N, C-alpha and C. Protein backbone atom coordinates (compact mmCIF):
# COMPACT_ATOMS: atom_id res chain seq x y z
N UNK A 1 0.71 -1.30 -0.52
CA UNK A 1 -0.05 -0.16 0.07
C UNK A 1 1.16 1.28 -0.03
N UNK A 2 1.48 0.85 -0.87
CA UNK A 2 2.55 2.52 -0.99
C UNK A 2 1.92 3.88 -1.89
N UNK A 3 0.55 4.19 -2.36
CA UNK A 3 0.31 4.76 -2.80
C UNK A 3 -0.17 6.14 -1.17
N UNK A 4 0.23 7.25 -1.52
CA UNK A 4 -1.19 8.24 -0.43
C UNK A 4 -3.10 7.71 -0.77
N UNK A 5 -3.31 7.34 1.09
CA UNK A 5 -4.37 7.30 0.85
C UNK A 5 -5.52 9.01 0.79
N UNK A 6 -6.70 8.43 -0.14
CA UNK A 6 -7.32 9.34 -0.59
C UNK A 6 -9.06 9.36 0.53
N UNK A 7 -9.22 10.32 0.38
CA UNK A 7 -10.85 10.58 0.90
C UNK A 7 -11.94 9.55 0.81
N UNK A 8 -12.59 9.42 1.73
CA UNK A 8 -13.52 8.24 0.72
C UNK A 8 -15.67 9.66 1.58
N UNK A 9 -15.85 9.12 0.45
CA UNK A 9 -17.16 10.81 1.13
C UNK A 9 -18.49 9.47 -0.52
N UNK A 10 -19.48 10.52 0.44
CA UNK A 10 -20.90 9.46 0.57
C UNK A 10 -21.61 10.67 -0.34
N UNK A 11 -22.62 9.77 -0.97
CA UNK A 11 -23.45 10.12 -1.38
C UNK A 11 -24.68 10.65 -0.21
N UNK A 12 -25.43 11.36 -0.01
CA UNK A 12 -25.69 11.30 1.19
C UNK A 12 -27.10 10.32 1.76
N UNK A 13 -27.49 10.14 0.50
CA UNK A 13 -28.69 8.45 0.70
C UNK A 13 -28.14 7.33 0.18
N UNK A 14 -26.52 7.24 0.04
CA UNK A 14 -26.07 6.38 0.26
C UNK A 14 -25.59 5.78 1.84
N UNK A 15 -25.28 7.31 2.39
CA UNK A 15 -25.14 6.70 3.70
C UNK A 15 -25.94 6.83 5.11
N UNK A 16 -26.93 7.31 4.65
CA UNK A 16 -27.91 7.16 5.21
C UNK A 16 -28.46 4.99 4.58
N UNK A 17 -28.94 5.16 3.99
CA UNK A 17 -29.08 3.57 3.83
C UNK A 17 -27.67 2.25 4.49
N UNK A 18 -26.77 3.08 4.22
CA UNK A 18 -25.43 2.35 4.79
C UNK A 18 -25.41 2.33 6.56
N UNK A 19 -25.91 3.53 7.15
CA UNK A 19 -25.68 3.60 8.41
C UNK A 19 -27.20 1.71 9.51
N UNK A 20 -28.17 1.60 7.99
CA UNK A 20 -28.70 1.04 8.43
C UNK A 20 -28.43 -0.27 8.32
N UNK A 21 -27.57 -1.16 7.84
CA UNK A 21 -27.14 -2.09 7.90
C UNK A 21 -25.92 -2.70 9.21
N UNK A 22 -26.17 -4.27 9.20
CA UNK A 22 -25.73 -4.39 10.67
C UNK A 22 -24.18 -3.64 11.21
N UNK A 23 -23.81 -3.43 12.52
CA UNK A 23 -22.43 -3.27 12.47
C UNK A 23 -21.64 -3.59 11.91
N UNK A 24 -21.13 -5.30 12.45
CA UNK A 24 -20.42 -5.83 11.91
C UNK A 24 -20.59 -5.84 10.32
N UNK A 25 -21.41 -5.72 9.82
CA UNK A 25 -21.17 -6.00 8.06
C UNK A 25 -20.89 -4.50 7.76
N UNK A 26 -20.69 -2.83 8.51
CA UNK A 26 -21.08 -2.08 8.41
C UNK A 26 -19.01 -1.60 8.37
N UNK A 27 -18.78 -2.34 9.49
CA UNK A 27 -17.10 -2.42 9.39
C UNK A 27 -16.19 -3.17 8.39
N UNK A 28 -17.00 -4.23 8.13
CA UNK A 28 -15.82 -5.04 7.20
C UNK A 28 -16.46 -4.56 5.44
N UNK A 29 -17.24 -3.97 5.92
CA UNK A 29 -17.41 -2.48 4.83
C UNK A 29 -16.33 -1.44 4.55
N UNK A 30 -16.11 -1.11 5.70
CA UNK A 30 -15.86 -0.31 5.28
C UNK A 30 -14.51 -0.50 5.27
N UNK A 31 -14.16 -2.21 5.43
CA UNK A 31 -12.51 -2.40 5.64
C UNK A 31 -12.00 -1.86 4.28
N UNK A 32 -12.89 -2.96 3.41
CA UNK A 32 -12.78 -2.47 2.16
C UNK A 32 -13.43 -1.10 1.81
N UNK A 33 -13.56 -0.74 1.94
CA UNK A 33 -13.82 1.02 1.40
C UNK A 33 -12.19 1.62 1.60
N UNK A 34 -11.22 1.21 2.73
CA UNK A 34 -10.35 1.79 3.28
C UNK A 34 -8.99 1.06 2.19
N UNK A 35 -9.53 -0.49 1.79
CA UNK A 35 -8.14 -0.54 0.91
C UNK A 35 -8.47 0.40 0.02
N UNK A 36 -9.42 0.71 -0.31
CA UNK A 36 -10.00 1.29 -2.47
C UNK A 36 -9.64 2.56 -1.67
N UNK A 37 -8.82 3.61 -0.10
CA UNK A 37 -8.66 4.86 -0.76
C UNK A 37 -7.52 4.71 -0.48
N UNK A 38 -6.46 3.21 -1.19
CA UNK A 38 -4.18 3.03 -0.91
C UNK A 38 -4.36 2.50 -2.68
N UNK A 39 -5.25 2.49 -3.34
CA UNK A 39 -5.40 2.12 -4.54
C UNK A 39 -5.82 0.00 -4.52
N UNK A 40 -5.50 -0.20 -3.87
CA UNK A 40 -6.08 -1.60 -4.07
C UNK A 40 -7.39 -1.90 -4.00
N UNK A 41 -7.93 -3.24 -4.15
CA UNK A 41 -8.44 -4.03 -4.07
C UNK A 41 -9.04 -4.82 -3.20
N UNK A 42 -10.12 -4.86 -2.24
CA UNK A 42 -10.94 -5.53 -1.52
C UNK A 42 -11.26 -6.63 -2.45
N UNK A 43 -10.95 -8.28 -1.26
CA UNK A 43 -10.76 -9.28 -1.90
C UNK A 43 -12.89 -9.51 -2.24
N UNK A 44 -13.46 -8.63 -1.36
CA UNK A 44 -15.20 -8.83 -1.07
C UNK A 44 -14.78 -7.85 -2.36
N UNK A 45 -14.66 -6.40 -3.31
CA UNK A 45 -14.56 -6.13 -3.96
C UNK A 45 -14.58 -6.70 -5.53
N UNK A 46 -15.72 -6.01 -5.95
CA UNK A 46 -15.04 -6.39 -7.56
C UNK A 46 -15.49 -5.65 -8.23
N UNK A 47 -14.74 -5.33 -9.62
CA UNK A 47 -15.41 -4.69 -11.02
C UNK A 47 -16.98 -4.41 -10.94
N UNK A 48 -17.09 -3.31 -11.17
CA UNK A 48 -19.31 -3.30 -11.63
C UNK A 48 -19.44 -4.03 -12.94
N UNK A 49 -19.71 -4.58 -13.14
CA UNK A 49 -21.01 -5.04 -14.25
C UNK A 49 -21.44 -4.21 -15.27
N UNK A 50 -21.45 -3.70 -16.95
CA UNK A 50 -21.77 -2.85 -17.16
C UNK A 50 -21.97 -1.15 -17.31
N UNK A 51 -20.12 -1.19 -15.94
CA UNK A 51 -20.46 0.48 -15.83
C UNK A 51 -18.79 0.32 -16.50
N UNK A 52 -18.31 1.61 -16.69
CA UNK A 52 -17.17 1.80 -17.21
C UNK A 52 -16.11 1.78 -16.06
N UNK A 53 -14.71 1.69 -16.65
CA UNK A 53 -14.01 1.63 -15.70
C UNK A 53 -14.01 2.08 -14.16
N UNK A 54 -13.82 1.72 -13.51
CA UNK A 54 -13.71 2.53 -12.41
C UNK A 54 -14.79 2.18 -11.37
N UNK A 55 -15.52 1.58 -12.04
CA UNK A 55 -17.35 1.39 -10.60
C UNK A 55 -17.12 -0.52 -9.82
N UNK A 56 -16.63 0.31 -8.59
CA UNK A 56 -16.99 -1.39 -7.97
C UNK A 56 -17.45 -1.59 -6.84
N UNK A 57 -18.18 -2.33 -7.15
CA UNK A 57 -19.35 -3.13 -5.72
C UNK A 57 -18.28 -3.97 -4.81
N UNK A 58 -19.29 -3.86 -3.37
CA UNK A 58 -18.64 -4.19 -2.71
C UNK A 58 -19.71 -5.63 -1.88
N UNK A 59 -19.60 -7.11 -2.03
CA UNK A 59 -21.17 -7.77 -2.29
C UNK A 59 -20.44 -8.72 -1.00
N UNK A 60 -21.02 -8.26 -0.25
CA UNK A 60 -20.81 -8.86 1.24
C UNK A 60 -21.95 -10.19 2.33
N UNK A 61 -22.11 -11.51 2.67
CA UNK A 61 -22.59 -12.06 2.39
C UNK A 61 -22.27 -12.31 4.19
N UNK A 62 -24.01 -11.82 4.99
CA UNK A 62 -23.69 -11.36 6.34
C UNK A 62 -24.92 -12.16 7.06
N UNK A 63 -24.45 -12.96 7.95
CA UNK A 63 -26.15 -13.78 8.67
C UNK A 63 -27.43 -13.77 7.46
N UNK A 64 -26.79 -14.60 6.51
CA UNK A 64 -27.90 -14.99 5.75
C UNK A 64 -28.14 -14.10 4.68
N UNK A 65 -28.13 -12.64 4.67
CA UNK A 65 -28.05 -11.90 3.86
C UNK A 65 -27.31 -11.05 3.09
N UNK A 66 -27.09 -10.52 2.66
CA UNK A 66 -26.49 -10.08 1.51
C UNK A 66 -26.48 -8.73 1.22
N UNK A 67 -25.71 -7.55 1.51
CA UNK A 67 -25.10 -6.45 1.62
C UNK A 67 -24.16 -5.80 0.78
N UNK A 68 -24.28 -5.25 -0.22
CA UNK A 68 -23.59 -4.08 -1.72
C UNK A 68 -23.77 -2.62 -0.91
N UNK A 69 -22.26 -2.25 -1.66
CA UNK A 69 -21.00 -0.86 -1.71
C UNK A 69 -21.22 -1.01 -2.15
N UNK A 70 -21.58 0.58 -3.82
CA UNK A 70 -21.62 0.37 -5.04
C UNK A 70 -20.28 1.79 -4.46
N UNK A 71 -19.13 1.80 -5.42
CA UNK A 71 -17.99 2.61 -4.78
C UNK A 71 -17.46 3.68 -6.09
N UNK A 72 -17.43 4.27 -6.14
CA UNK A 72 -16.40 4.46 -7.65
C UNK A 72 -15.11 5.54 -7.08
N UNK A 73 -13.59 5.13 -8.25
CA UNK A 73 -12.13 5.96 -8.01
C UNK A 73 -12.40 6.71 -8.75
N UNK A 74 -12.81 6.68 -10.07
CA UNK A 74 -11.99 7.50 -10.65
C UNK A 74 -12.91 8.67 -11.53
N UNK A 75 -13.48 9.26 -10.24
CA UNK A 75 -14.22 10.88 -10.80
C UNK A 75 -13.66 12.24 -9.34
N UNK A 76 -13.23 12.12 -9.26
CA UNK A 76 -12.54 13.18 -8.97
C UNK A 76 -11.48 12.44 -7.71
N UNK A 77 -10.57 13.23 -7.06
CA UNK A 77 -9.69 12.34 -5.88
C UNK A 77 -10.03 11.92 -4.61
N UNK A 78 -12.18 11.68 -4.78
CA UNK A 78 -11.98 11.37 -3.26
C UNK A 78 -12.70 9.55 -4.38
N UNK A 79 -12.85 9.23 -3.05
CA UNK A 79 -13.66 7.61 -3.26
C UNK A 79 -15.11 7.82 -3.01
N UNK A 80 -15.74 7.44 -4.08
CA UNK A 80 -16.96 7.98 -4.13
C UNK A 80 -18.22 6.69 -3.61
N UNK A 81 -18.39 6.42 -2.49
CA UNK A 81 -19.68 6.20 -2.01
C UNK A 81 -21.26 5.69 -2.84
N UNK A 82 -21.79 6.12 -3.87
CA UNK A 82 -22.59 5.83 -4.74
C UNK A 82 -23.82 5.37 -4.09
N UNK A 83 -24.21 4.22 -4.12
CA UNK A 83 -25.49 2.99 -3.04
C UNK A 83 -25.18 2.64 -2.17
N UNK A 84 -25.67 2.33 -1.51
CA UNK A 84 -25.49 1.28 -0.30
C UNK A 84 -26.87 0.28 0.07
N UNK A 85 -26.74 -0.47 -0.16
CA UNK A 85 -28.64 -1.43 -0.07
C UNK A 85 -28.59 -3.14 0.22
N UNK A 86 -29.54 -3.74 0.98
CA UNK A 86 -29.36 -4.77 1.27
C UNK A 86 -29.90 -5.50 0.33
N UNK A 87 -29.33 -6.39 -0.20
CA UNK A 87 -29.85 -7.26 -1.43
C UNK A 87 -31.26 -8.26 -1.51
N UNK A 88 -32.36 -7.85 -1.79
CA UNK A 88 -33.30 -8.33 -1.74
C UNK A 88 -33.48 -10.37 -1.95
N UNK A 89 -33.31 -10.11 -3.42
CA UNK A 89 -33.90 -11.44 -4.44
C UNK A 89 -32.80 -12.60 -4.08
N UNK A 90 -33.32 -13.72 -4.37
CA UNK A 90 -32.72 -15.08 -3.53
C UNK A 90 -32.25 -15.39 -4.65
N UNK A 91 -32.67 -15.46 -5.98
CA UNK A 91 -32.68 -15.89 -7.41
C UNK A 91 -30.86 -15.13 -8.24
N UNK A 92 -30.07 -15.71 -7.62
CA UNK A 92 -28.78 -15.35 -8.47
C UNK A 92 -28.35 -14.48 -7.59
N UNK A 93 -27.19 -14.03 -7.97
CA UNK A 93 -26.87 -13.05 -7.89
C UNK A 93 -26.40 -10.91 -8.87
N UNK A 94 -27.63 -11.14 -9.42
CA UNK A 94 -27.24 -10.34 -10.08
C UNK A 94 -27.98 -9.20 -10.11
N UNK A 95 -27.27 -7.91 -10.06
CA UNK A 95 -27.71 -7.16 -9.18
C UNK A 95 -28.97 -6.10 -9.94
N UNK A 96 -30.23 -6.52 -8.89
CA UNK A 96 -31.11 -5.47 -9.69
C UNK A 96 -31.31 -3.99 -10.53
N UNK A 97 -32.42 -4.10 -11.31
CA UNK A 97 -32.07 -3.25 -12.79
C UNK A 97 -32.71 -1.75 -11.75
N UNK A 98 -33.38 -2.14 -11.05
CA UNK A 98 -34.06 -0.52 -10.62
C UNK A 98 -32.90 -0.26 -9.83
N UNK A 99 -31.97 -1.58 -9.45
CA UNK A 99 -30.45 -0.38 -8.05
C UNK A 99 -29.62 0.05 -9.14
N UNK A 100 -29.24 -0.31 -10.66
CA UNK A 100 -28.59 -0.46 -11.89
C UNK A 100 -29.11 1.39 -12.73
N UNK A 101 -30.11 0.84 -12.36
CA UNK A 101 -30.50 3.03 -13.05
C UNK A 101 -30.42 3.02 -11.69
N UNK A 102 -30.71 3.32 -10.46
CA UNK A 102 -29.78 4.51 -9.89
C UNK A 102 -28.56 4.74 -9.89
N UNK A 103 -28.14 3.26 -9.33
CA UNK A 103 -26.15 3.71 -9.59
C UNK A 103 -26.03 4.53 -11.07
N UNK A 104 -26.48 4.63 -11.61
CA UNK A 104 -25.94 4.97 -12.82
C UNK A 104 -27.01 6.57 -12.65
N UNK A 105 -28.23 6.99 -12.86
CA UNK A 105 -28.19 8.25 -12.22
C UNK A 105 -27.02 9.31 -11.21
N UNK A 106 -26.88 7.99 -10.06
CA UNK A 106 -26.29 9.05 -8.94
C UNK A 106 -24.81 9.41 -10.03
N UNK A 107 -24.05 8.63 -10.28
CA UNK A 107 -23.06 8.88 -11.75
C UNK A 107 -23.06 10.01 -12.08
N UNK A 108 -24.25 10.39 -12.67
CA UNK A 108 -24.12 10.62 -13.69
C UNK A 108 -24.08 12.64 -12.95
N UNK A 109 -25.19 12.95 -12.38
CA UNK A 109 -25.79 13.74 -11.25
C UNK A 109 -24.49 13.73 -10.14
N UNK A 110 -23.94 13.16 -10.40
CA UNK A 110 -22.29 13.59 -9.54
C UNK A 110 -21.41 13.65 -10.06
N UNK A 111 -21.28 13.02 -11.63
CA UNK A 111 -19.99 14.05 -12.15
C UNK A 111 -20.15 15.31 -13.07
N UNK A 112 -21.69 15.07 -13.35
CA UNK A 112 -21.99 16.28 -13.58
C UNK A 112 -21.73 17.47 -12.47
N UNK A 113 -22.07 17.22 -11.10
CA UNK A 113 -21.93 18.48 -9.95
C UNK A 113 -20.58 18.37 -10.32
N UNK A 114 -19.22 17.14 -10.52
CA UNK A 114 -17.85 18.21 -9.98
C UNK A 114 -17.34 18.65 -11.32
N UNK A 115 -17.88 18.93 -11.95
CA UNK A 115 -17.77 19.33 -13.28
C UNK A 115 -16.71 19.80 -12.97
């Protein structure tokens, strides 16, 4: 971890949703986000399918539930958390379309805001 640490910034709605996660799930996801601040990728993070380079999803299984947090690393100097949600679908690992649409919308608004 030789790179300088970056700041973690949050879309307000993502922070609010994240705060509802169980504390142990929050701790483990924060660890993954901290790894990202050093330019690395945690084991529980993966590139988000359907997005350009630089958008990652932290997928955590915790006590039979699935918690997801999506962040972007190439918007500005910060790591931006775009979305946090508990995955409800019991079939497959695919992220539901409404969540994908919300991530796209938040990413577009953030890019516009930071121009």
